[in-house]
Amino acid sequence: MTETVRRLLDSKEIDRTLARIAHEILEKNKGTGSLCLVGIRTGGVPLAFRLQKKIGEIEGTAPDVGVLDITLYRDDWSTLSQHPIVRSTDIPFSIDGKTIVLVDDVIYTGRTIRAALDALTDYGRPGKIELAVLVDRGRRELPIQPDFTGISLSTSSNEHVNVYLDEISGRDEVVIEKS
């Protein structure tokens, strides 16, 4: 079986895309008032911190950032591993009444976001929850749509979108692999 790889975004394109998303978040929310970012482990975390930095550069005030682990909230966790790796959630601020922007690298079926919504509500009651993703690859199983999207594409079931981020893998690149 042969595998082909096609680059969708390079480092500069990721940076430019995040700058656009930061502007869209600020425009929709009219600044940083009650805005907080929460990155979904793993890929959403560095993206949330990058968005925080960009928003701070644009607005002069950066929103708080939290980290959310959804491992035990997944509806498929028992099929993934007998001993799931649970990492820490770190939301060092109250989310009550706040506008929370959940940040993830890729949205596909919507199940990760459903799990994140369940996990987040264990920490309080936000006034509003929005979703920012770097890549929307379509093929949703649940009625969940991002508010802020870097790129949208249609993929087939034999294609996989990989987001490589410098903080995790030592390089910035989004690729689609077809096998």
C-alpha atoms as a PDB file:
ATOM      1  CA  MET A   1       0.000   0.000   0.000  1.00  0.00           C
ATOM      2  CA  THR A   2       1.462   3.352  -0.978  1.00  0.00           C
ATOM      3  CA  GLU A   3       0.985   6.500   0.996  1.00  0.00           C
ATOM      4  CA  THR A   4       0.970  10.001  -0.424  1.00  0.00           C
ATOM      5  CA  VAL A   5       1.511  13.159   1.600  1.00  0.00           C
ATOM      6  CA  ARG A   6       0.354  16.609   0.545  1.00  0.00           C
ATOM      7  CA  ARG A   7       1.224  19.757   2.476  1.00  0.00           C
ATOM      8  CA  LEU A   8      -1.743  21.996   3.237  1.00  0.00           C
ATOM      9  CA  LEU A   9      -0.053  24.663   5.387  1.00  0.00           C
ATOM     10  CA  ASP A  10       3.549  25.525   6.165  1.00  0.00           C
ATOM     11  CA  SER A  11       4.850  27.490   9.146  1.00  0.00           C
ATOM     12  CA  LYS A  12       4.155  30.931   7.663  1.00  0.00           C
ATOM     13  CA  GLU A  13       0.688  29.916   6.518  1.00  0.00           C
ATOM     14  CA  ILE A  14      -0.166  28.562   9.987  1.00  0.00           C
ATOM     15  CA  ASP A  15       1.003  31.832  11.530  1.00  0.00           C
ATOM     16  CA  ARG A  16      -1.007  33.906   9.044  1.00  0.00           C
ATOM     17  CA  THR A  17      -4.080  31.733   9.595  1.00  0.00           C
ATOM     18  CA  LEU A  18      -3.859  32.137  13.379  1.00  0.00           C
ATOM     19  CA  ALA A  19      -3.509  35.917  12.980  1.00  0.00           C
ATOM     20  CA  ARG A  20      -6.738  35.944  10.954  1.00  0.00           C
ATOM     21  CA  ILE A  21      -8.532  33.781  13.521  1.00  0.00           C
ATOM     22  CA  ALA A  22      -7.337  36.101  16.323  1.00  0.00           C
ATOM     23  CA  HIS A  23      -8.789  39.103  14.483  1.00  0.00           C
ATOM     24  CA  GLU A  24     -12.074  37.256  13.892  1.00  0.00           C
ATOM     25  CA  ILE A  25     -12.329  36.306  17.582  1.00  0.00           C
ATOM     26  CA  LEU A  26     -11.756  39.923  18.619  1.00  0.00           C
ATOM     27  CA  GLU A  27     -14.223  41.251  16.063  1.00  0.00           C
ATOM     28  CA  LYS A  28     -16.980  38.824  17.033  1.00  0.00           C
ATOM     29  CA  ASN A  29     -16.452  39.400  20.767  1.00  0.00           C
ATOM     30  CA  LYS A  30     -15.731  43.144  20.550  1.00  0.00           C
ATOM     31  CA  GLY A  31     -12.395  42.828  22.351  1.00  0.00           C
ATOM     32  CA  THR A  32     -11.114  40.715  25.204  1.00  0.00           C
ATOM     33  CA  GLY A  33     -13.633  41.734  27.913  1.00  0.00           C
ATOM     34  CA  SER A  34     -14.832  38.362  29.229  1.00  0.00           C
ATOM     35  CA  LEU A  35     -12.875  36.301  26.698  1.00  0.00           C
ATOM     36  CA  CYS A  36     -10.906  33.204  27.732  1.00  0.00           C
ATOM     37  CA  LEU A  37      -9.234  30.549  25.586  1.00  0.00           C
ATOM     38  CA  VAL A  38      -9.209  26.841  26.456  1.00  0.00           C
ATOM     39  CA  GLY A  39      -7.006  24.516  24.439  1.00  0.00           C
ATOM     40  CA  ILE A  40      -8.024  20.882  24.062  1.00  0.00           C
ATOM     41  CA  ARG A  41      -5.160  18.467  24.667  1.00  0.00           C
ATOM     42  CA  THR A  42      -3.029  17.847  22.743  1.00  0.00           C
ATOM     43  CA  GLY A  43      -2.991  19.922  19.549  1.00  0.00           C
ATOM     44  CA  GLY A  44      -5.326  22.645  20.767  1.00  0.00           C
ATOM     45  CA  VAL A  45      -3.065  23.681  23.646  1.00  0.00           C
ATOM     46  CA  PRO A  46      -0.181  25.255  21.698  1.00  0.00           C
ATOM     47  CA  LEU A  47      -2.696  26.825  19.306  1.00  0.00           C
ATOM     48  CA  ALA A  48      -4.539  28.432  22.249  1.00  0.00           C
ATOM     49  CA  PHE A  49      -1.287  29.916  23.563  1.00  0.00           C
ATOM     50  CA  ARG A  50      -0.380  31.186  20.091  1.00  0.00           C
ATOM     51  CA  LEU A  51      -3.817  32.799  19.777  1.00  0.00           C
ATOM     52  CA  GLN A  52      -3.387  34.356  23.229  1.00  0.00           C
ATOM     53  CA  LYS A  53      -0.118  35.934  22.089  1.00  0.00           C
ATOM     54  CA  LYS A  54      -1.606  37.211  18.820  1.00  0.00           C
ATOM     55  CA  ILE A  55      -4.678  38.636  20.565  1.00  0.00           C
ATOM     56  CA  GLY A  56      -2.416  40.331  23.111  1.00  0.00           C
ATOM     57  CA  GLU A  57      -0.334  41.883  20.329  1.00  0.00           C
ATOM     58  CA  ILE A  58      -3.447  43.166  18.547  1.00  0.00           C
ATOM     59  CA  GLU A  59      -5.491  44.282  21.538  1.00  0.00           C
ATOM     60  CA  GLY A  60      -2.857  45.117  24.145  1.00  0.00           C
ATOM     61  CA  THR A  61      -4.568  42.718  26.562  1.00  0.00           C
ATOM     62  CA  ALA A  62      -4.294  38.966  26.332  1.00  0.00           C
ATOM     63  CA  PRO A  63      -7.081  36.617  27.449  1.00  0.00           C
ATOM     64  CA  ASP A  64      -6.539  33.920  30.054  1.00  0.00           C
ATOM     65  CA  VAL A  65      -5.694  30.467  28.706  1.00  0.00           C
ATOM     66  CA  GLY A  66      -6.648  27.105  30.140  1.00  0.00           C
ATOM     67  CA  VAL A  67      -5.827  23.525  29.216  1.00  0.00           C
ATOM     68  CA  LEU A  68      -8.525  20.851  28.991  1.00  0.00           C
ATOM     69  CA  ASP A  69      -7.990  17.082  29.005  1.00  0.00           C
ATOM     70  CA  ILE A  70     -11.011  15.195  27.676  1.00  0.00           C
ATOM     71  CA  THR A  71      -9.737  11.613  27.911  1.00  0.00           C
ATOM     72  CA  LEU A  72     -12.361  10.322  30.338  1.00  0.00           C
ATOM     73  CA  TYR A  73     -15.157  12.272  28.642  1.00  0.00           C
ATOM     74  CA  ARG A  74     -14.711  10.565  25.279  1.00  0.00           C
ATOM     75  CA  ASP A  75     -17.472   8.158  24.301  1.00  0.00           C
ATOM     76  CA  ASP A  76     -14.857   5.786  22.884  1.00  0.00           C
ATOM     77  CA  TRP A  77     -12.173   5.890  25.609  1.00  0.00           C
ATOM     78  CA  SER A  78     -12.725   2.288  26.650  1.00  0.00           C
ATOM     79  CA  THR A  79     -12.111   1.089  23.091  1.00  0.00           C
ATOM     80  CA  LEU A  80      -8.912   3.133  22.720  1.00  0.00           C
ATOM     81  CA  SER A  81      -6.990   1.584  25.587  1.00  0.00           C
ATOM     82  CA  GLN A  82      -7.517  -0.432  28.735  1.00  0.00           C
ATOM     83  CA  HIS A  83      -5.367   2.123  30.556  1.00  0.00           C
ATOM     84  CA  PRO A  84      -6.061   5.554  29.075  1.00  0.00           C
ATOM     85  CA  ILE A  85      -3.458   8.238  29.674  1.00  0.00           C
ATOM     86  CA  VAL A  86      -5.162  11.001  31.609  1.00  0.00           C
ATOM     87  CA  ARG A  87      -3.306  14.299  31.593  1.00  0.00           C
ATOM     88  CA  SER A  88      -3.983  17.318  33.717  1.00  0.00           C
ATOM     89  CA  THR A  89      -6.597  19.921  33.096  1.00  0.00           C
ATOM     90  CA  ASP A  90      -5.479  23.381  34.131  1.00  0.00           C
ATOM     91  CA  ILE A  91      -8.093  26.109  34.072  1.00  0.00           C
ATOM     92  CA  PRO A  92      -6.742  28.586  36.654  1.00  0.00           C
ATOM     93  CA  PHE A  93      -9.654  31.014  36.367  1.00  0.00           C
ATOM     94  CA  SER A  94     -13.410  30.964  36.811  1.00  0.00           C
ATOM     95  CA  ILE A  95     -15.268  30.236  33.579  1.00  0.00           C
ATOM     96  CA  ASP A  96     -18.631  31.312  35.024  1.00  0.00           C
ATOM     97  CA  GLY A  97     -20.286  33.863  32.744  1.00  0.00           C
ATOM     98  CA  LYS A  98     -17.213  34.087  30.497  1.00  0.00           C
ATOM     99  CA  THR A  99     -16.967  33.694  26.753  1.00  0.00           C
ATOM    100  CA  ILE A 100     -14.886  30.565  26.302  1.00  0.00           C
ATOM    101  CA  VAL A 101     -13.235  29.868  22.973  1.00  0.00           C
ATOM    102  CA  LEU A 102     -12.423  26.169  22.800  1.00  0.00           C
ATOM    103  CA  VAL A 103      -9.372  25.680  20.592  1.00  0.00           C
ATOM    104  CA  ASP A 104      -8.454  22.489  18.738  1.00  0.00           C
ATOM    105  CA  ASP A 105      -6.257  21.610  15.807  1.00  0.00           C
ATOM    106  CA  VAL A 106      -8.700  19.545  13.701  1.00  0.00           C
ATOM    107  CA  ILE A 107     -12.439  18.975  13.751  1.00  0.00           C
ATOM    108  CA  TYR A 108     -13.693  15.832  12.081  1.00  0.00           C
ATOM    109  CA  THR A 109     -16.621  13.895  13.563  1.00  0.00           C
ATOM    110  CA  GLY A 110     -17.373  16.411  16.329  1.00  0.00           C
ATOM    111  CA  ARG A 111     -16.993  13.826  19.089  1.00  0.00           C
ATOM    112  CA  THR A 112     -13.901  15.468  20.598  1.00  0.00           C
ATOM    113  CA  ILE A 113     -15.776  18.751  20.877  1.00  0.00           C
ATOM    114  CA  ARG A 114     -18.805  17.042  22.452  1.00  0.00           C
ATOM    115  CA  ALA A 115     -16.461  15.535  25.051  1.00  0.00           C
ATOM    116  CA  ALA A 116     -14.816  18.933  25.596  1.00  0.00           C
ATOM    117  CA  LEU A 117     -18.201  20.559  26.195  1.00  0.00           C
ATOM    118  CA  ASP A 118     -19.009  17.916  28.815  1.00  0.00           C
ATOM    119  CA  ALA A 119     -15.618  18.347  30.483  1.00  0.00           C
ATOM    120  CA  LEU A 120     -15.776  22.143  30.435  1.00  0.00           C
ATOM    121  CA  THR A 121     -19.167  22.308  32.144  1.00  0.00           C
ATOM    122  CA  ASP A 122     -17.681  20.410  35.086  1.00  0.00           C
ATOM    123  CA  TYR A 123     -15.638  23.578  35.742  1.00  0.00           C
ATOM    124  CA  GLY A 124     -18.511  26.040  35.704  1.00  0.00           C
ATOM    125  CA  ARG A 125     -21.122  27.664  33.550  1.00  0.00           C
ATOM    126  CA  PRO A 126     -19.738  29.844  30.765  1.00  0.00           C
ATOM    127  CA  GLY A 127     -21.873  32.626  29.360  1.00  0.00           C
ATOM    128  CA  LYS A 128     -21.019  31.450  25.851  1.00  0.00           C
ATOM    129  CA  ILE A 129     -18.806  28.803  24.249  1.00  0.00           C
ATOM    130  CA  GLU A 130     -17.290  29.274  20.812  1.00  0.00           C
ATOM    131  CA  LEU A 131     -15.048  26.942  18.824  1.00  0.00           C
ATOM    132  CA  ALA A 132     -11.845  27.766  16.926  1.00  0.00           C
ATOM    133  CA  VAL A 133     -10.096  25.107  14.824  1.00  0.00           C
ATOM    134  CA  LEU A 134      -7.114  25.236  12.522  1.00  0.00           C
ATOM    135  CA  VAL A 135      -8.545  22.599  10.138  1.00  0.00           C
ATOM    136  CA  ASP A 136     -12.150  21.576   9.486  1.00  0.00           C
ATOM    137  CA  ARG A 137     -12.024  18.345   7.529  1.00  0.00           C
ATOM    138  CA  GLY A 138     -15.795  17.819   7.301  1.00  0.00           C
ATOM    139  CA  ARG A 139     -17.616  14.490   7.610  1.00  0.00           C
ATOM    140  CA  ARG A 140     -19.320  15.378  10.896  1.00  0.00           C
ATOM    141  CA  GLU A 141     -21.217  12.761  12.912  1.00  0.00           C
ATOM    142  CA  LEU A 142     -22.604  15.320  15.374  1.00  0.00           C
ATOM    143  CA  PRO A 143     -24.222  18.704  14.670  1.00  0.00           C
ATOM    144  CA  ILE A 144     -21.198  20.763  15.766  1.00  0.00           C
ATOM    145  CA  GLN A 145     -19.704  23.573  13.668  1.00  0.00           C
ATOM    146  CA  PRO A 146     -16.707  25.785  14.417  1.00  0.00           C
ATOM    147  CA  ASP A 147     -17.159  29.532  14.832  1.00  0.00           C
ATOM    148  CA  PHE A 148     -13.614  30.231  13.628  1.00  0.00           C
ATOM    149  CA  THR A 149     -11.890  28.054  11.029  1.00  0.00           C
ATOM    150  CA  GLY A 150      -8.417  28.231   9.554  1.00  0.00           C
ATOM    151  CA  ILE A 151      -9.025  26.046   6.510  1.00  0.00           C
ATOM    152  CA  SER A 152     -11.929  23.837   5.451  1.00  0.00           C
ATOM    153  CA  LEU A 153     -11.579  20.826   3.211  1.00  0.00           C
ATOM    154  CA  SER A 154     -13.451  17.720   2.251  1.00  0.00           C
ATOM    155  CA  THR A 155     -11.662  14.502   3.020  1.00  0.00           C
ATOM    156  CA  SER A 156     -12.339  10.865   2.345  1.00  0.00           C
ATOM    157  CA  SER A 157     -12.223   8.137   4.969  1.00  0.00           C
ATOM    158  CA  ASN A 158      -8.800   6.974   3.725  1.00  0.00           C
ATOM    159  CA  GLU A 159      -7.251  10.422   4.243  1.00  0.00           C
ATOM    160  CA  HIS A 160      -5.806  11.664   7.506  1.00  0.00           C
ATOM    161  CA  VAL A 161      -4.997  15.265   8.429  1.00  0.00           C
ATOM    162  CA  ASN A 162      -1.881  15.637  10.569  1.00  0.00           C
ATOM    163  CA  VAL A 163      -1.093  18.894  12.322  1.00  0.00           C
ATOM    164  CA  TYR A 164       2.531  19.138  13.387  1.00  0.00           C
ATOM    165  CA  LEU A 165       3.274  21.952  15.801  1.00  0.00           C
ATOM    166  CA  ASP A 166       6.718  23.097  16.859  1.00  0.00           C
ATOM    167  CA  GLU A 167       5.847  22.827  20.566  1.00  0.00           C
ATOM    168  CA  ILE A 168       4.985  19.121  20.168  1.00  0.00           C
ATOM    169  CA  SER A 169       6.849  17.764  17.145  1.00  0.00           C
ATOM    170  CA  GLY A 170       9.561  20.319  16.436  1.00  0.00           C
ATOM    171  CA  ARG A 171       8.048  21.589  13.182  1.00  0.00           C
ATOM    172  CA  ASP A 172       5.036  23.547  11.959  1.00  0.00           C
ATOM    173  CA  GLU A 173       3.149  21.915   9.140  1.00  0.00           C
ATOM    174  CA  VAL A 174      -0.318  20.636   8.249  1.00  0.00           C
ATOM    175  CA  VAL A 175      -0.380  17.686   5.872  1.00  0.00           C
ATOM    176  CA  ILE A 176      -2.952  15.314   4.470  1.00  0.00           C
ATOM    177  CA  GLU A 177      -1.911  11.702   4.106  1.00  0.00           C
ATOM    178  CA  LYS A 178      -3.715   9.306   1.836  1.00  0.00           C
ATOM    179  CA  SER A 179      -3.176   5.575   2.046  1.00  0.00           C
END
